[in-house]
Protein backbone atom coordinates (compact mmCIF):
# COMPACT_ATOMS: atom_id res chain seq x y z
CA UNK A 1 102.02 84.32 96.43
CA UNK A 2 103.65 81.60 98.59
CA UNK A 3 106.82 81.57 96.32
CA UNK A 4 107.03 85.42 96.34
CA UNK A 5 106.74 85.48 99.98
CA UNK A 6 109.35 82.91 100.54
CA UNK A 7 111.85 84.93 98.51
CA UNK A 8 110.99 88.16 100.34
CA UNK A 9 111.09 86.50 103.85
CA UNK A 10 114.35 84.72 103.11
CA UNK A 11 115.92 87.97 101.87
CA UNK A 12 114.60 89.84 104.86
CA UNK A 13 115.89 87.13 107.24
CA UNK A 14 119.21 87.47 105.71
CA UNK A 15 119.33 91.27 105.93
CA UNK A 16 118.15 91.02 109.49
CA UNK A 17 120.98 88.55 110.39
CA UNK A 18 123.68 90.39 108.57
CA UNK A 19 122.58 93.69 110.17
CA UNK A 20 122.64 91.97 113.70
CA UNK A 21 125.94 90.49 112.88
CA UNK A 22 127.48 93.80 111.90
CA UNK A 23 125.98 95.31 115.02
CA UNK A 24 127.71 92.79 117.22
CA UNK A 25 130.96 93.26 115.44
CA UNK A 26 130.50 97.15 115.60
CA UNK A 27 129.82 96.97 119.35
CA UNK A 28 132.93 94.86 119.94
CA UNK A 29 135.07 97.31 117.96
CA UNK A 30 133.33 100.53 119.51
CA UNK A 31 132.35 101.45 115.96
CA UNK A 32 129.91 104.13 116.92
CA UNK A 33 132.74 106.05 118.54
CA UNK A 34 135.17 105.50 115.67
CA UNK A 35 134.07 107.47 112.48
CA UNK A 36 136.65 105.75 110.36
CA UNK A 37 135.26 102.16 111.02
CA UNK A 38 132.94 101.15 108.18
CA UNK A 39 131.43 98.25 110.25
CA UNK A 40 129.11 100.60 112.11
CA UNK A 41 127.84 102.11 108.81
CA UNK A 42 127.38 98.63 107.39
CA UNK A 43 125.30 97.83 110.47
CA UNK A 44 123.32 101.01 110.00
CA UNK A 45 122.78 100.32 106.26
CA UNK A 46 121.91 96.64 106.60
CA UNK A 47 119.68 97.32 109.73
CA UNK A 48 117.84 100.09 107.95
CA UNK A 49 117.43 97.99 104.77
CA UNK A 50 116.14 95.10 106.80
CA UNK A 51 113.71 97.30 108.79
CA UNK A 52 112.21 98.59 105.56
CA UNK A 53 111.96 95.24 104.02
CA UNK A 54 110.39 93.82 107.16
CA UNK A 55 107.71 96.62 106.98
CA UNK A 56 107.15 95.79 103.27
CA UNK A 57 106.80 92.09 103.66
CA UNK A 58 104.47 92.20 106.51
CA UNK A 59 102.31 94.86 104.99
CA UNK A 60 102.14 92.64 101.85
CA UNK A 61 100.82 89.91 103.99
CA UNK A 62 98.16 92.27 105.47
CA UNK A 63 97.14 93.36 101.88
CA UNK A 64 97.08 89.92 100.66
CA UNK A 65 94.83 88.58 103.43
CA UNK A 66 92.49 91.47 103.35
CA UNK A 67 92.16 91.15 99.50
CA UNK A 68 91.61 87.34 99.34
CA UNK A 69 89.35 87.50 102.33
CA UNK A 70 87.24 90.12 100.48
CA UNK A 71 87.24 88.18 97.24
CA UNK A 72 86.10 85.01 99.12
CA UNK A 73 83.29 87.04 100.80
CA UNK A 74 82.17 88.52 97.45
CA UNK A 75 82.16 84.96 95.88
CA UNK A 76 80.22 83.60 98.87
CA UNK A 77 77.56 86.34 98.33
CA UNK A 78 77.43 86.05 94.50
CA UNK A 79 77.05 82.14 94.52
CA UNK A 80 75.22 81.87 97.97
CA UNK A 81 77.90 79.70 99.45
CA UNK A 82 77.61 78.58 103.03
CA UNK A 83 79.83 80.53 105.46
CA UNK A 84 81.43 77.36 106.86
CA UNK A 85 84.11 76.06 106.15
CA UNK A 86 85.76 78.23 103.47
CA UNK A 87 84.84 81.83 103.96
CA UNK A 88 84.99 81.39 107.73
CA UNK A 89 88.41 79.84 107.40
CA UNK A 90 89.76 82.88 105.53
CA UNK A 91 88.60 85.13 108.37
CA UNK A 92 90.31 82.79 110.74
CA UNK A 93 93.53 82.84 108.81
CA UNK A 94 93.43 86.55 108.76
CA UNK A 95 92.96 86.83 112.43
CA UNK A 96 95.69 84.44 112.95
CA UNK A 97 98.31 86.04 110.78
CA UNK A 98 97.76 89.74 111.70
CA UNK A 99 99.06 89.72 115.27
CA UNK A 100 102.49 88.20 114.44
CA UNK A 101 103.00 90.39 111.47
CA UNK A 102 102.12 93.50 113.38
CA UNK A 103 104.38 92.52 116.36
CA UNK A 104 107.28 91.85 113.74
CA UNK A 105 106.86 95.35 112.32
CA UNK A 106 106.60 96.99 115.72
CA UNK A 107 109.78 95.32 116.93
CA UNK A 108 111.58 96.47 113.91
CA UNK A 109 110.51 99.99 114.41
CA UNK A 110 111.39 99.86 118.06
CA UNK A 111 114.79 98.46 117.28
CA UNK A 112 115.47 101.20 114.81
CA UNK A 113 114.29 103.89 117.30
CA UNK A 114 116.44 102.41 120.04
CA UNK A 115 119.49 102.18 117.68
CA UNK A 116 119.09 105.93 116.83
CA UNK A 117 118.77 106.81 120.56
CA UNK A 118 121.83 104.75 121.39
CA UNK A 119 123.81 106.34 118.73
CA UNK A 120 123.41 109.77 120.41
CA UNK A 121 123.81 108.31 123.77
CA UNK A 122 120.64 109.06 125.74
CA UNK A 123 119.70 105.35 125.73
CA UNK A 124 121.97 102.43 126.59
CA UNK A 125 123.03 100.20 123.70
CA UNK A 126 121.60 97.20 125.60
CA UNK A 127 118.09 98.34 124.83
CA UNK A 128 118.96 98.29 121.12
CA UNK A 129 120.67 95.03 121.31
CA UNK A 130 117.79 93.36 123.23
CA UNK A 131 115.18 94.83 120.86
CA UNK A 132 117.39 93.54 117.89
CA UNK A 133 117.38 90.11 119.32
CA UNK A 134 113.68 90.21 119.93
CA UNK A 135 113.20 91.47 116.30
CA UNK A 136 115.01 88.44 114.97
CA UNK A 137 112.85 86.06 117.12
CA UNK A 138 109.54 87.72 116.38
CA UNK A 139 110.16 87.78 112.74
CA UNK A 140 111.11 84.16 112.47
CA UNK A 141 108.04 83.25 114.39
CA UNK A 142 105.90 85.55 112.17
CA UNK A 143 107.39 84.20 109.00
CA UNK A 144 106.54 80.68 110.15
CA UNK A 145 102.94 81.57 111.01
CA UNK A 146 102.52 83.53 107.70
CA UNK A 147 103.80 80.76 105.37
CA UNK A 148 101.54 78.20 107.09
CA UNK A 149 98.54 80.60 106.67
CA UNK A 150 99.54 81.36 102.99
CA UNK A 151 99.61 77.72 102.22
CA UNK A 152 96.19 77.07 103.83
CA UNK A 153 94.80 80.26 102.23
CA UNK A 154 95.96 78.92 98.80
CA UNK A 155 94.09 75.67 99.40
CA UNK A 156 91.03 77.67 100.45
CA UNK A 157 91.10 79.68 97.16
CA UNK A 158 91.42 76.57 95.09
CA UNK A 159 88.51 75.09 96.90
CA UNK A 160 86.31 78.13 96.42
CA UNK A 161 87.07 77.94 92.68
CA UNK A 162 86.24 74.31 92.56
CA UNK A 163 82.88 74.98 94.24
CA UNK A 164 82.11 77.90 91.96
CA UNK A 165 82.81 75.63 88.98
CA UNK A 166 80.51 72.97 90.38
CA UNK A 167 77.79 75.53 90.97
CA UNK A 168 78.20 77.00 87.48
CA UNK A 169 77.87 73.57 85.91
CA UNK A 170 74.66 72.82 87.94
CA UNK A 171 73.20 76.17 86.65
CA UNK A 172 74.15 75.42 82.96
CA UNK A 173 76.94 78.02 82.80
CA UNK A 174 80.32 77.60 81.39
CA UNK A 175 83.17 76.88 83.82
CA UNK A 176 85.43 79.80 84.90
CA UNK A 177 88.12 78.61 82.62
CA UNK A 178 85.82 78.32 79.66
CA UNK A 179 84.25 81.72 80.30
CA UNK A 180 87.64 83.41 80.50
CA UNK A 181 88.69 81.67 77.19
CA UNK A 182 85.44 82.79 75.52
CA UNK A 183 85.95 86.36 76.82
CA UNK A 184 89.51 86.47 75.65
CA UNK A 185 88.65 85.22 72.09
CA UNK A 186 88.33 87.99 69.42
């Protein structure tokens, strides 16, 4: 998951930066008032793409931590593992990662809404520009927190599997790998 996330977060970061850059250039060229200037439309398309990818990436993080947390909880119950340190750590990671991910999504949505409002003039462009800057900063912060939590969660999952294999051996059962091999054999 860490590799997939890094690709998505890097792509999203680039889209956010390119959309922001086109927005600055569009403002300097008064692109919103000039229908023949393609820079405004590039800003619109890159900004919209970035907003959609931002929502996807952070929703993926939500789903991943909900799913792996539930899996660790089920394994804890099935093998009677103690709550500390591993199952508790998965809950702590989920609680740590959710606020930045949510704020990153909300700022992207607010930026898009302010951009739409600025386009039809009831709202000043400065609100859109400020929210755009905030979206960049919040997303970079969220990506940093998310990658740290993903790496820690990967370690937790490996440790849970090691503990399960240890308990299976003590109970005279096959290891997980051996059980999967046996199940896959015809």
